[in-house]
Amino acid sequence: MKMLEFISAPEAARKWGISERRVQKLCEENRIPGVAKFSRLWLIPKDAEKPADARMKAERTKKHE
């Protein structure tokens, strides 16, 4: 049986080039599959990919037409 490997929020932040707080918010919003919270520490699967930025909306491109 393969044991899952996890990284912390600060490690994910460095890996993905975003802030630690943004990683924590993504975890709170269940946007990263497989995360677990142990006490105050978020455990993120080592092979997890950075979620797409949901703040970008298609409506923004319409303004430039």
PDB file of N, CA and C in Angstrom:
ATOM      1  N   MET A   1       0.843  -1.177   0.000  1.00  0.00           N
ATOM      2  CA  MET A   1       0.000   0.000   0.000  1.00  0.00           C
ATOM      3  C   MET A   1       0.888   1.241   0.000  1.00  0.00           C
ATOM      4  N   LYS A   2       0.596   2.164  -0.909  1.00  0.00           N
ATOM      5  CA  LYS A   2       1.385   3.396  -1.009  1.00  0.00           C
ATOM      6  C   LYS A   2       0.845   4.416  -0.010  1.00  0.00           C
ATOM      7  N   MET A   3       1.765   5.009   0.750  1.00  0.00           N
ATOM      8  CA  MET A   3       1.364   6.031   1.707  1.00  0.00           C
ATOM      9  C   MET A   3       1.285   7.384   0.997  1.00  0.00           C
ATOM     10  N   LEU A   4       0.223   8.118   1.261  1.00  0.00           N
ATOM     11  CA  LEU A   4       0.066   9.430   0.648  1.00  0.00           C
ATOM     12  C   LEU A   4       1.092  10.402   1.225  1.00  0.00           C
ATOM     13  N   GLU A   5       1.616  11.238   0.358  1.00  0.00           N
ATOM     14  CA  GLU A   5       2.567  12.248   0.800  1.00  0.00           C
ATOM     15  C   GLU A   5       1.888  13.604   0.737  1.00  0.00           C
ATOM     16  N   PHE A   6       2.113  14.417   1.767  1.00  0.00           N
ATOM     17  CA  PHE A   6       1.483  15.723   1.854  1.00  0.00           C
ATOM     18  C   PHE A   6       2.526  16.816   1.976  1.00  0.00           C
ATOM     19  N   ILE A   7       2.116  18.025   1.587  1.00  0.00           N
ATOM     20  CA  ILE A   7       2.932  19.216   1.807  1.00  0.00           C
ATOM     21  C   ILE A   7       2.087  20.212   2.594  1.00  0.00           C
ATOM     22  N   SER A   8       2.742  21.185   3.194  1.00  0.00           N
ATOM     23  CA  SER A   8       2.039  22.198   3.984  1.00  0.00           C
ATOM     24  C   SER A   8       1.601  23.358   3.083  1.00  0.00           C
ATOM     25  N   ALA A   9       0.787  24.252   3.625  1.00  0.00           N
ATOM     26  CA  ALA A   9       0.337  25.429   2.877  1.00  0.00           C
ATOM     27  C   ALA A   9       1.520  26.303   2.432  1.00  0.00           C
ATOM     28  N   PRO A  10       2.509  26.570   3.308  1.00  0.00           N
ATOM     29  CA  PRO A  10       3.651  27.369   2.846  1.00  0.00           C
ATOM     30  C   PRO A  10       4.424  26.702   1.694  1.00  0.00           C
ATOM     31  N   GLU A  11       4.539  25.373   1.752  1.00  0.00           N
ATOM     32  CA  GLU A  11       5.227  24.659   0.671  1.00  0.00           C
ATOM     33  C   GLU A  11       4.436  24.752  -0.630  1.00  0.00           C
ATOM     34  N   ALA A  12       3.114  24.603  -0.549  1.00  0.00           N
ATOM     35  CA  ALA A  12       2.263  24.719  -1.738  1.00  0.00           C
ATOM     36  C   ALA A  12       2.331  26.136  -2.303  1.00  0.00           C
ATOM     37  N   ALA A  13       2.362  27.127  -1.421  1.00  0.00           N
ATOM     38  CA  ALA A  13       2.438  28.527  -1.858  1.00  0.00           C
ATOM     39  C   ALA A  13       3.719  28.762  -2.671  1.00  0.00           C
ATOM     40  N   ARG A  14       4.834  28.264  -2.186  1.00  0.00           N
ATOM     41  CA  ARG A  14       6.099  28.406  -2.924  1.00  0.00           C
ATOM     42  C   ARG A  14       6.042  27.652  -4.257  1.00  0.00           C
ATOM     43  N   LYS A  15       5.502  26.453  -4.216  1.00  0.00           N
ATOM     44  CA  LYS A  15       5.423  25.606  -5.411  1.00  0.00           C
ATOM     45  C   LYS A  15       4.561  26.254  -6.499  1.00  0.00           C
ATOM     46  N   TRP A  16       3.430  26.867  -6.093  1.00  0.00           N
ATOM     47  CA  TRP A  16       2.472  27.433  -7.048  1.00  0.00           C
ATOM     48  C   TRP A  16       2.675  28.921  -7.314  1.00  0.00           C
ATOM     49  N   GLY A  17       3.571  29.572  -6.572  1.00  0.00           N
ATOM     50  CA  GLY A  17       3.817  30.990  -6.786  1.00  0.00           C
ATOM     51  C   GLY A  17       2.692  31.903  -6.321  1.00  0.00           C
ATOM     52  N   ILE A  18       1.999  31.510  -5.246  1.00  0.00           N
ATOM     53  CA  ILE A  18       0.928  32.330  -4.672  1.00  0.00           C
ATOM     54  C   ILE A  18       1.170  32.457  -3.167  1.00  0.00           C
ATOM     55  N   SER A  19       0.364  33.288  -2.511  1.00  0.00           N
ATOM     56  CA  SER A  19       0.569  33.502  -1.077  1.00  0.00           C
ATOM     57  C   SER A  19       0.066  32.311  -0.257  1.00  0.00           C
ATOM     58  N   GLU A  20       0.624  32.193   0.930  1.00  0.00           N
ATOM     59  CA  GLU A  20       0.189  31.140   1.849  1.00  0.00           C
ATOM     60  C   GLU A  20      -1.293  31.320   2.197  1.00  0.00           C
ATOM     61  N   ARG A  21      -1.711  32.569   2.388  1.00  0.00           N
ATOM     62  CA  ARG A  21      -3.116  32.840   2.722  1.00  0.00           C
ATOM     63  C   ARG A  21      -4.038  32.395   1.591  1.00  0.00           C
ATOM     64  N   ARG A  22      -3.630  32.586   0.344  1.00  0.00           N
ATOM     65  CA  ARG A  22      -4.449  32.154  -0.800  1.00  0.00           C
ATOM     66  C   ARG A  22      -4.581  30.629  -0.790  1.00  0.00           C
ATOM     67  N   VAL A  23      -3.515  29.932  -0.487  1.00  0.00           N
ATOM     68  CA  VAL A  23      -3.569  28.461  -0.407  1.00  0.00           C
ATOM     69  C   VAL A  23      -4.547  28.051   0.685  1.00  0.00           C
ATOM     70  N   GLN A  24      -4.486  28.712   1.840  1.00  0.00           N
ATOM     71  CA  GLN A  24      -5.411  28.402   2.936  1.00  0.00           C
ATOM     72  C   GLN A  24      -6.861  28.618   2.505  1.00  0.00           C
ATOM     73  N   LYS A  25      -7.133  29.708   1.787  1.00  0.00           N
ATOM     74  CA  LYS A  25      -8.498  29.984   1.317  1.00  0.00           C
ATOM     75  C   LYS A  25      -8.952  28.912   0.331  1.00  0.00           C
ATOM     76  N   LEU A  26      -8.066  28.487  -0.560  1.00  0.00           N
ATOM     77  CA  LEU A  26      -8.410  27.426  -1.512  1.00  0.00           C
ATOM     78  C   LEU A  26      -8.755  26.136  -0.768  1.00  0.00           C
ATOM     79  N   CYS A  27      -8.023  25.861   0.311  1.00  0.00           N
ATOM     80  CA  CYS A  27      -8.317  24.673   1.128  1.00  0.00           C
ATOM     81  C   CYS A  27      -9.673  24.820   1.810  1.00  0.00           C
ATOM     82  N   GLU A  28      -9.928  25.987   2.392  1.00  0.00           N
ATOM     83  CA  GLU A  28     -11.205  26.232   3.088  1.00  0.00           C
ATOM     84  C   GLU A  28     -12.386  26.105   2.138  1.00  0.00           C
ATOM     85  N   GLU A  29     -12.191  26.495   0.884  1.00  0.00           N
ATOM     86  CA  GLU A  29     -13.267  26.458  -0.112  1.00  0.00           C
ATOM     87  C   GLU A  29     -13.360  25.103  -0.812  1.00  0.00           C
ATOM     88  N   ASN A  30     -12.600  24.119  -0.343  1.00  0.00           N
ATOM     89  CA  ASN A  30     -12.587  22.764  -0.931  1.00  0.00           C
ATOM     90  C   ASN A  30     -12.257  22.778  -2.416  1.00  0.00           C
ATOM     91  N   ARG A  31     -11.338  23.649  -2.813  1.00  0.00           N
ATOM     92  CA  ARG A  31     -10.971  23.766  -4.225  1.00  0.00           C
ATOM     93  C   ARG A  31      -9.763  22.899  -4.573  1.00  0.00           C
ATOM     94  N   ILE A  32      -9.155  22.280  -3.547  1.00  0.00           N
ATOM     95  CA  ILE A  32      -8.009  21.396  -3.775  1.00  0.00           C
ATOM     96  C   ILE A  32      -8.424  19.992  -3.330  1.00  0.00           C
ATOM     97  N   PRO A  33      -8.523  19.050  -4.269  1.00  0.00           N
ATOM     98  CA  PRO A  33      -8.941  17.691  -3.904  1.00  0.00           C
ATOM     99  C   PRO A  33      -7.957  17.008  -2.961  1.00  0.00           C
ATOM    100  N   GLY A  34      -8.497  16.318  -1.970  1.00  0.00           N
ATOM    101  CA  GLY A  34      -7.669  15.509  -1.085  1.00  0.00           C
ATOM    102  C   GLY A  34      -7.053  16.226   0.099  1.00  0.00           C
ATOM    103  N   VAL A  35      -7.391  17.512   0.319  1.00  0.00           N
ATOM    104  CA  VAL A  35      -6.800  18.214   1.459  1.00  0.00           C
ATOM    105  C   VAL A  35      -7.395  17.712   2.766  1.00  0.00           C
ATOM    106  N   ALA A  36      -6.617  17.836   3.813  1.00  0.00           N
ATOM    107  CA  ALA A  36      -7.077  17.472   5.145  1.00  0.00           C
ATOM    108  C   ALA A  36      -6.554  18.517   6.117  1.00  0.00           C
ATOM    109  N   LYS A  37      -7.321  18.784   7.159  1.00  0.00           N
ATOM    110  CA  LYS A  37      -6.882  19.731   8.161  1.00  0.00           C
ATOM    111  C   LYS A  37      -6.566  18.957   9.436  1.00  0.00           C
ATOM    112  N   PHE A  38      -5.356  19.154   9.926  1.00  0.00           N
ATOM    113  CA  PHE A  38      -4.920  18.511  11.156  1.00  0.00           C
ATOM    114  C   PHE A  38      -4.593  19.627  12.130  1.00  0.00           C
ATOM    115  N   SER A  39      -5.452  19.827  13.121  1.00  0.00           N
ATOM    116  CA  SER A  39      -5.335  20.943  14.049  1.00  0.00           C
ATOM    117  C   SER A  39      -5.435  22.231  13.243  1.00  0.00           C
ATOM    118  N   ARG A  40      -4.378  23.051  13.225  1.00  0.00           N
ATOM    119  CA  ARG A  40      -4.407  24.295  12.447  1.00  0.00           C
ATOM    120  C   ARG A  40      -3.612  24.180  11.147  1.00  0.00           C
ATOM    121  N   LEU A  41      -3.160  22.983  10.808  1.00  0.00           N
ATOM    122  CA  LEU A  41      -2.298  22.766   9.648  1.00  0.00           C
ATOM    123  C   LEU A  41      -3.074  22.112   8.504  1.00  0.00           C
ATOM    124  N   TRP A  42      -2.997  22.714   7.325  1.00  0.00           N
ATOM    125  CA  TRP A  42      -3.598  22.109   6.136  1.00  0.00           C
ATOM    126  C   TRP A  42      -2.595  21.138   5.537  1.00  0.00           C
ATOM    127  N   LEU A  43      -3.049  19.931   5.238  1.00  0.00           N
ATOM    128  CA  LEU A  43      -2.228  18.919   4.581  1.00  0.00           C
ATOM    129  C   LEU A  43      -2.719  18.790   3.142  1.00  0.00           C
ATOM    130  N   ILE A  44      -1.843  19.095   2.195  1.00  0.00           N
ATOM    131  CA  ILE A  44      -2.184  19.118   0.780  1.00  0.00           C
ATOM    132  C   ILE A  44      -1.440  17.990   0.087  1.00  0.00           C
ATOM    133  N   PRO A  45      -2.157  17.154  -0.697  1.00  0.00           N
ATOM    134  CA  PRO A  45      -1.447  16.076  -1.395  1.00  0.00           C
ATOM    135  C   PRO A  45      -0.286  16.630  -2.224  1.00  0.00           C
ATOM    136  N   LYS A  46       0.846  15.956  -2.160  1.00  0.00           N
ATOM    137  CA  LYS A  46       2.054  16.432  -2.824  1.00  0.00           C
ATOM    138  C   LYS A  46       1.856  16.588  -4.331  1.00  0.00           C
ATOM    139  N   ASP A  47       1.016  15.742  -4.929  1.00  0.00           N
ATOM    140  CA  ASP A  47       0.810  15.799  -6.382  1.00  0.00           C
ATOM    141  C   ASP A  47      -0.388  16.670  -6.790  1.00  0.00           C
ATOM    142  N   ALA A  48      -0.978  17.399  -5.836  1.00  0.00           N
ATOM    143  CA  ALA A  48      -2.130  18.258  -6.147  1.00  0.00           C
ATOM    144  C   ALA A  48      -1.698  19.382  -7.084  1.00  0.00           C
ATOM    145  N   GLU A  49      -2.599  19.730  -7.998  1.00  0.00           N
ATOM    146  CA  GLU A  49      -2.325  20.819  -8.925  1.00  0.00           C
ATOM    147  C   GLU A  49      -3.003  22.089  -8.449  1.00  0.00           C
ATOM    148  N   LYS A  50      -2.413  23.219  -8.792  1.00  0.00           N
ATOM    149  CA  LYS A  50      -2.978  24.520  -8.429  1.00  0.00           C
ATOM    150  C   LYS A  50      -4.331  24.676  -9.125  1.00  0.00           C
ATOM    151  N   PRO A  51      -5.393  24.990  -8.357  1.00  0.00           N
ATOM    152  CA  PRO A  51      -6.706  25.184  -8.979  1.00  0.00           C
ATOM    153  C   PRO A  51      -6.711  26.401  -9.897  1.00  0.00           C
ATOM    154  N   ALA A  52      -7.570  26.369 -10.906  1.00  0.00           N
ATOM    155  CA  ALA A  52      -7.714  27.519 -11.803  1.00  0.00           C
ATOM    156  C   ALA A  52      -8.272  28.696 -11.014  1.00  0.00           C
ATOM    157  N   ASP A  53      -7.912  29.885 -11.412  1.00  0.00           N
ATOM    158  CA  ASP A  53      -8.367  31.098 -10.737  1.00  0.00           C
ATOM    159  C   ASP A  53      -9.811  31.379 -11.133  1.00  0.00           C
ATOM    160  N   ALA A  54     -10.731  31.162 -10.211  1.00  0.00           N
ATOM    161  CA  ALA A  54     -12.158  31.339 -10.492  1.00  0.00           C
ATOM    162  C   ALA A  54     -12.565  32.802 -10.491  1.00  0.00           C
ATOM    163  N   ARG A  55     -11.640  33.701 -10.135  1.00  0.00           N
ATOM    164  CA  ARG A  55     -11.981  35.122 -10.099  1.00  0.00           C
ATOM    165  C   ARG A  55     -12.059  35.730 -11.486  1.00  0.00           C
ATOM    166  N   MET A  56     -11.442  35.072 -12.457  1.00  0.00           N
ATOM    167  CA  MET A  56     -11.485  35.580 -13.829  1.00  0.00           C
ATOM    168  C   MET A  56     -12.817  35.196 -14.449  1.00  0.00           C
ATOM    169  N   LYS A  57     -13.510  36.180 -14.990  1.00  0.00           N
ATOM    170  CA  LYS A  57     -14.824  35.923 -15.566  1.00  0.00           C
ATOM    171  C   LYS A  57     -14.808  36.225 -17.064  1.00  0.00           C
ATOM    172  N   ALA A  58     -15.636  35.517 -17.814  1.00  0.00           N
ATOM    173  CA  ALA A  58     -15.733  35.723 -19.260  1.00  0.00           C
ATOM    174  C   ALA A  58     -16.289  37.114 -19.569  1.00  0.00           C
ATOM    175  N   GLU A  59     -17.055  37.683 -18.646  1.00  0.00           N
ATOM    176  CA  GLU A  59     -17.657  38.994 -18.861  1.00  0.00           C
ATOM    177  C   GLU A  59     -16.607  40.071 -19.082  1.00  0.00           C
ATOM    178  N   ARG A  60     -15.435  39.919 -18.516  1.00  0.00           N
ATOM    179  CA  ARG A  60     -14.385  40.925 -18.632  1.00  0.00           C
ATOM    180  C   ARG A  60     -13.936  41.091 -20.080  1.00  0.00           C
ATOM    181  N   THR A  61     -13.935  40.015 -20.846  1.00  0.00           N
ATOM    182  CA  THR A  61     -13.485  40.106 -22.238  1.00  0.00           C
ATOM    183  C   THR A  61     -14.506  40.841 -23.086  1.00  0.00           C
ATOM    184  N   LYS A  62     -15.776  40.820 -22.715  1.00  0.00           N
ATOM    185  CA  LYS A  62     -16.815  41.494 -23.495  1.00  0.00           C
ATOM    186  C   LYS A  62     -16.618  43.000 -23.490  1.00  0.00           C
ATOM    187  N   LYS A  63     -16.058  43.546 -22.435  1.00  0.00           N
ATOM    188  CA  LYS A  63     -15.852  44.998 -22.338  1.00  0.00           C
ATOM    189  C   LYS A  63     -14.860  45.496 -23.374  1.00  0.00           C
ATOM    190  N   HIS A  64     -13.972  44.628 -23.819  1.00  0.00           N
ATOM    191  CA  HIS A  64     -12.921  45.036 -24.752  1.00  0.00           C
ATOM    192  C   HIS A  64     -13.320  44.869 -26.199  1.00  0.00           C
ATOM    193  N   GLU A  65     -14.505  44.406 -26.462  1.00  0.00           N
ATOM    194  CA  GLU A  65     -14.946  44.191 -27.858  1.00  0.00           C
ATOM    195  C   GLU A  65     -15.445  45.470 -28.472  1.00  0.00           C
TER     196      GLU A  65
END
